[in-house]
Amino acid sequence: MQRTYKVVDVFTKVPFAGNPVAVVLDAQGLDTQAMQAIASWTNLSETTFLLPAQSDKADYQLRIFTPRNELPFAGHPTLGSAHAALEAGRAVPRQGQLVQECGVGLVTLHVNGSGEDRSLSFALPPARHVTLDAADRAELEAVLGVPVDHTAPPMMVDVGPVWIVARVSSVEQLLALRPDFGRSQVFEQRLGAIGISVFAAHDPDGVDIEVRSFAPSQGVNEDPVCGSGNGSVAVFRHVRGLLPSGAGQYLATQGGCVGRAGRIFVRVGAGGAVDVGGQCVTTVEGRLAG
């Protein structure tokens, strides 16, 4: 069977920047083992599979895989898959919205504009968070090779995937990070986290923060531009009082260290609700055999 296949770069409108996601648009008939095999073959940070919705409130169902595991939710695959579905005519916005059904439940996306000017954003699933204890903070610093900011203590943020989030003192320190990926994998697996997202203040051209996300336990040493990681950073900043008046919107950048710089638009409501968005561009279109 031939299956429609796209690769979409997310958090950019420039081909070969941002973060690519592979999207299989005709996923009916594939079982979990086959989906995992395809995701391992594409070797991108995530591969998604579009299926008919099971809920009458959703436009489609999406299954999301890293090269090693299935995820209940992920950010850039959510945006890239919505872009692919819209482009292929597999979904039509209703009052500017799409609803995705995935492992965490129903996720609302907002669609603004069309064609090359279209931008998409998703409502981050409700977050749970817990502060790392002293021993785990010390292990995090050993993994990263640098001190983290203890005035805003690192925490684990659960938005479906679980991220360990920390702030470092400067963007120069952030960009120079060379984590111990073997040690990080053990650390992530012990805590039940997908990876580590680290950020620092950064203000050229209106960019508020720079972010890096590491997920060696998922077979992805560094995720170029991570939607759920940025959403988790937004939760961290809100909880730690690092946003003006506890709410606001800002621009983040990520991926420069791996030559894939993307831009992420983040909005945080006064109650802590987070929206994460950006632009997308299709770079590959074709068919998968099998």
Protein backbone atom coordinates (compact mmCIF):
# COMPACT_ATOMS: atom_id res chain seq x y z
CA MET A 1 0.00 0.00 0.00
CA GLN A 2 1.19 3.50 -0.85
CA ARG A 3 0.87 6.05 1.98
CA THR A 4 1.06 9.83 1.58
CA TYR A 5 4.09 11.18 3.40
CA LYS A 6 5.36 14.68 4.15
CA VAL A 7 8.26 16.18 6.05
CA VAL A 8 7.38 19.54 7.59
CA ASP A 9 9.85 22.00 9.11
CA VAL A 10 8.26 23.57 12.20
CA PHE A 11 8.89 26.91 13.91
CA THR A 12 10.17 28.39 10.67
CA LYS A 13 8.91 29.49 7.26
CA VAL A 14 12.33 28.81 5.71
CA PRO A 15 12.96 25.29 4.34
CA PHE A 16 15.69 23.29 6.11
CA ALA A 17 15.52 25.36 9.30
CA GLY A 18 13.39 24.79 12.39
CA ASN A 19 12.60 21.20 13.41
CA PRO A 20 11.43 18.57 10.91
CA VAL A 21 8.63 16.11 11.60
CA ALA A 22 7.71 13.22 9.34
CA VAL A 23 3.94 12.91 8.84
CA VAL A 24 2.25 9.78 7.48
CA LEU A 25 -1.19 10.95 6.36
CA ASP A 26 -2.69 7.54 5.49
CA ALA A 27 -1.92 5.58 8.64
CA GLN A 28 -4.96 3.29 8.70
CA GLY A 29 -3.93 -0.35 8.95
CA LEU A 30 -0.57 0.29 10.58
CA ASP A 31 -0.12 -1.28 13.99
CA THR A 32 2.08 0.07 16.77
CA GLN A 33 5.05 -2.09 15.77
CA ALA A 34 4.91 -0.85 12.17
CA MET A 35 4.63 2.77 13.29
CA GLN A 36 7.63 2.39 15.57
CA ALA A 37 9.63 0.78 12.76
CA ILE A 38 8.85 3.72 10.43
CA ALA A 39 9.77 6.23 13.14
CA SER A 40 13.08 4.44 13.73
CA TRP A 41 13.70 4.47 9.96
CA THR A 42 13.04 8.21 9.49
CA ASN A 43 15.35 8.82 12.48
CA LEU A 44 13.83 12.26 13.06
CA SER A 45 13.08 13.40 16.59
CA GLU A 46 9.40 12.57 15.92
CA THR A 47 7.28 10.86 13.28
CA THR A 48 3.48 11.11 13.36
CA PHE A 49 0.60 9.06 12.00
CA LEU A 50 -2.73 10.65 11.08
CA LEU A 51 -5.82 8.55 11.73
CA PRO A 52 -9.59 9.11 11.77
CA ALA A 53 -10.77 10.61 15.05
CA GLN A 54 -12.42 8.35 17.59
CA SER A 55 -13.94 11.32 19.43
CA ASP A 56 -16.71 13.27 17.71
CA LYS A 57 -15.10 16.43 19.12
CA ALA A 58 -11.82 15.90 17.25
CA ASP A 59 -10.84 16.50 13.63
CA TYR A 60 -8.32 13.66 13.57
CA GLN A 61 -6.33 11.32 15.78
CA LEU A 62 -2.54 11.63 15.94
CA ARG A 63 -0.01 9.09 17.17
CA ILE A 64 3.47 10.42 17.86
CA PHE A 65 6.71 8.40 17.95
CA THR A 66 10.36 9.13 18.66
CA PRO A 67 12.92 6.69 17.22
CA ARG A 68 12.45 4.66 20.43
CA ASN A 69 9.03 5.30 22.00
CA GLU A 70 5.48 6.53 21.51
CA LEU A 71 4.66 9.87 23.16
CA PRO A 72 1.28 10.96 24.55
CA PHE A 73 1.87 14.49 23.22
CA ALA A 74 4.59 16.59 21.61
CA GLY A 75 4.64 20.18 20.43
CA HIS A 76 6.37 20.52 17.08
CA PRO A 77 4.75 17.27 15.78
CA THR A 78 1.34 18.69 16.70
CA LEU A 79 1.95 21.86 14.68
CA GLY A 80 3.66 20.12 11.75
CA SER A 81 0.97 17.46 11.48
CA ALA A 82 -1.79 20.08 11.52
CA HIS A 83 0.04 21.96 8.77
CA ALA A 84 0.31 18.75 6.70
CA ALA A 85 -3.35 17.88 7.26
CA LEU A 86 -4.51 21.35 6.24
CA GLU A 87 -2.25 21.42 3.18
CA ALA A 88 -3.50 18.01 2.04
CA GLY A 89 -7.16 18.87 2.65
CA ARG A 90 -7.46 16.24 5.39
CA ALA A 91 -8.74 18.81 7.91
CA VAL A 92 -10.67 22.08 7.71
CA PRO A 93 -10.62 24.64 10.55
CA ARG A 94 -13.88 25.32 12.35
CA GLN A 95 -14.02 28.93 13.48
CA GLY A 96 -10.24 29.08 13.20
CA GLN A 97 -9.64 25.96 15.27
CA LEU A 98 -8.67 22.31 14.90
CA VAL A 99 -8.95 19.67 17.61
CA GLN A 100 -6.33 16.92 17.76
CA GLU A 101 -6.96 13.67 19.58
CA CYS A 102 -3.80 12.11 21.05
CA GLY A 103 -2.53 10.27 24.10
CA VAL A 104 -3.15 13.13 26.53
CA GLY A 105 -6.67 13.67 25.19
CA LEU A 106 -7.98 16.53 23.06
CA VAL A 107 -5.61 19.37 22.12
CA THR A 108 -6.95 22.60 20.59
CA LEU A 109 -5.02 24.31 17.81
CA HIS A 110 -5.58 27.84 16.53
CA VAL A 111 -5.13 28.53 12.80
CA ASN A 112 -4.25 32.06 11.71
CA GLY A 113 -3.94 33.04 8.05
CA SER A 114 -3.43 30.66 5.14
CA GLY A 115 -0.78 29.42 2.73
CA GLU A 116 2.73 30.73 3.28
CA ASP A 117 1.48 33.23 5.86
CA ARG A 118 -0.30 30.66 8.01
CA SER A 119 0.72 30.29 11.64
CA LEU A 120 -0.45 27.66 14.08
CA SER A 121 -0.52 27.43 17.85
CA PHE A 122 -1.61 24.82 20.36
CA ALA A 123 -2.95 25.01 23.88
CA LEU A 124 -0.45 23.21 26.10
CA PRO A 125 -2.10 20.39 28.07
CA PRO A 126 -2.55 21.20 31.78
CA ALA A 127 0.80 20.93 33.53
CA ARG A 128 1.90 19.31 36.74
CA HIS A 129 5.24 20.21 38.26
CA VAL A 130 7.53 19.29 41.16
CA THR A 131 10.80 20.85 42.32
CA LEU A 132 13.91 18.68 42.06
CA ASP A 133 15.45 17.75 45.39
CA ALA A 134 19.02 18.71 46.25
CA ALA A 135 20.54 15.40 45.13
CA ASP A 136 18.82 15.56 41.74
CA ARG A 137 19.83 19.20 41.28
CA ALA A 138 23.43 18.17 41.87
CA GLU A 139 23.10 15.33 39.35
CA LEU A 140 21.56 17.73 36.82
CA GLU A 141 24.57 20.01 37.17
CA ALA A 142 26.89 17.02 36.70
CA VAL A 143 25.01 16.07 33.51
CA LEU A 144 25.17 19.61 32.13
CA GLY A 145 28.69 20.37 33.36
CA VAL A 146 27.71 23.82 34.64
CA PRO A 147 25.88 25.29 37.65
CA VAL A 148 22.17 25.98 37.29
CA ASP A 149 20.25 28.90 38.82
CA HIS A 150 19.18 27.88 42.33
CA THR A 151 17.25 31.12 42.89
CA ALA A 152 14.72 29.58 40.46
CA PRO A 153 15.11 25.91 41.45
CA PRO A 154 14.96 23.33 38.64
CA MET A 155 11.72 21.38 38.36
CA MET A 156 10.08 18.54 36.50
CA VAL A 157 7.17 19.69 34.34
CA ASP A 158 4.65 17.12 33.12
CA VAL A 159 2.63 18.15 30.04
CA GLY A 160 2.22 14.59 28.78
CA PRO A 161 5.95 14.28 28.13
CA VAL A 162 7.91 15.18 31.27
CA TRP A 163 10.74 17.70 30.99
CA ILE A 164 13.39 18.59 33.55
CA VAL A 165 13.64 22.39 33.30
CA ALA A 166 16.41 24.68 34.54
CA ARG A 167 17.81 28.15 33.93
CA VAL A 168 21.50 28.97 33.52
CA SER A 169 23.16 32.32 34.06
CA SER A 170 23.81 33.45 30.50
CA VAL A 171 23.12 32.64 26.89
CA GLU A 172 26.87 32.22 26.36
CA GLN A 173 26.91 29.49 29.01
CA LEU A 174 23.82 27.91 27.46
CA LEU A 175 25.28 27.79 23.97
CA ALA A 176 28.53 26.29 25.26
CA LEU A 177 26.80 23.35 27.00
CA ARG A 178 28.22 19.91 26.19
CA PRO A 179 26.10 17.54 28.29
CA ASP A 180 27.15 14.05 29.27
CA PHE A 181 24.51 12.24 27.19
CA GLY A 182 25.15 8.80 28.68
CA ARG A 183 24.70 10.14 32.19
CA SER A 184 21.71 12.18 31.05
CA GLN A 185 19.98 9.09 29.67
CA VAL A 186 20.31 7.31 33.02
CA PHE A 187 19.12 10.44 34.87
CA GLU A 188 16.09 10.90 32.61
CA GLN A 189 15.08 7.27 32.85
CA ARG A 190 15.40 7.25 36.63
CA LEU A 191 13.14 10.30 36.96
CA GLY A 192 10.69 9.20 34.27
CA ALA A 193 11.48 12.27 32.14
CA ILE A 194 11.71 12.57 28.38
CA GLY A 195 14.66 14.97 28.59
CA ILE A 196 16.15 18.22 29.88
CA SER A 197 15.23 21.73 28.65
CA VAL A 198 17.55 24.55 29.68
CA PHE A 199 17.14 28.26 28.98
CA ALA A 200 18.76 31.66 29.50
CA ALA A 201 17.79 35.27 28.96
CA HIS A 202 18.51 36.52 25.44
CA ASP A 203 17.35 39.82 24.00
CA PRO A 204 18.52 40.62 20.47
CA ASP A 205 15.79 41.66 18.04
CA GLY A 206 13.05 41.19 20.63
CA VAL A 207 13.93 37.56 21.46
CA ASP A 208 13.35 37.01 25.18
CA ILE A 209 15.01 33.64 25.83
CA GLU A 210 17.15 31.00 24.15
CA VAL A 211 16.33 27.33 24.81
CA ARG A 212 18.12 24.01 24.34
CA SER A 213 16.46 20.58 24.79
CA PHE A 214 18.30 17.28 25.24
CA ALA A 215 16.57 13.88 25.10
CA PRO A 216 19.15 11.08 24.75
CA SER A 217 16.77 8.62 26.43
CA GLN A 218 14.57 9.02 23.34
CA GLY A 219 17.43 8.60 20.87
CA VAL A 220 17.59 12.38 20.31
CA ASN A 221 20.69 13.93 21.87
CA GLU A 222 19.54 17.46 21.02
CA ASP A 223 16.06 18.30 19.75
CA PRO A 224 16.49 21.24 17.36
CA VAL A 225 13.33 23.20 18.27
CA CYS A 226 11.00 21.66 20.85
CA GLY A 227 7.38 22.71 21.35
CA SER A 228 6.64 20.77 24.55
CA GLY A 229 10.06 21.76 25.91
CA ASN A 230 9.30 25.43 25.29
CA GLY A 231 5.84 24.99 26.79
CA SER A 232 7.42 23.44 29.88
CA VAL A 233 9.87 26.35 30.10
CA ALA A 234 6.87 28.73 29.98
CA VAL A 235 5.25 26.83 32.86
CA PHE A 236 8.53 27.05 34.80
CA ARG A 237 8.82 30.81 34.18
CA HIS A 238 5.22 31.37 35.28
CA VAL A 239 5.55 29.27 38.44
CA ARG A 240 8.90 30.83 39.37
CA GLY A 241 7.63 34.39 38.85
CA LEU A 242 9.93 35.09 35.91
CA LEU A 243 7.23 36.69 33.73
CA PRO A 244 6.03 40.30 34.17
CA SER A 245 2.84 40.33 36.27
CA GLY A 246 2.74 36.54 36.01
CA ALA A 247 1.52 36.59 32.41
CA GLY A 248 2.44 37.81 28.96
CA GLN A 249 3.75 36.78 25.60
CA TYR A 250 7.28 36.43 24.37
CA LEU A 251 9.48 35.11 21.58
CA ALA A 252 11.97 32.28 22.12
CA THR A 253 14.67 30.96 19.83
CA GLN A 254 16.15 27.47 19.70
CA GLY A 255 18.25 25.32 17.40
CA GLY A 256 21.10 27.65 16.54
CA CYS A 257 23.63 25.19 17.97
CA VAL A 258 22.60 22.55 15.44
CA GLY A 259 22.14 24.91 12.49
CA ARG A 260 18.33 24.75 12.63
CA ALA A 261 17.37 28.03 14.34
CA GLY A 262 13.65 28.37 14.90
CA ARG A 263 11.39 30.92 16.54
CA ILE A 264 8.66 30.04 18.99
CA PHE A 265 5.81 32.34 19.98
CA VAL A 266 4.65 31.75 23.55
CA ARG A 267 1.67 33.23 25.38
CA VAL A 268 1.02 32.70 29.09
CA GLY A 269 -2.32 33.66 30.61
CA ALA A 270 -2.69 35.08 34.10
CA GLY A 271 -3.86 31.67 35.33
CA GLY A 272 -0.85 29.94 33.80
CA ALA A 273 -2.46 28.55 30.63
CA VAL A 274 0.18 28.33 27.89
CA ASP A 275 -0.13 28.59 24.09
CA VAL A 276 2.85 27.73 21.88
CA GLY A 277 2.98 28.59 18.19
CA GLY A 278 4.95 29.25 15.06
CA GLN A 279 5.06 28.82 11.31
CA CYS A 280 5.62 25.67 9.24
CA VAL A 281 6.84 24.79 5.76
CA THR A 282 6.70 21.48 3.87
CA THR A 283 10.09 20.35 2.56
CA VAL A 284 9.36 16.78 1.37
CA GLU A 285 6.28 15.23 -0.24
CA GLY A 286 5.99 11.66 -1.42
CA ARG A 287 4.71 8.18 -0.69
CA LEU A 288 5.80 5.39 1.61
CA ALA A 289 5.61 1.82 0.36
CA GLY A 290 4.21 -0.82 2.67
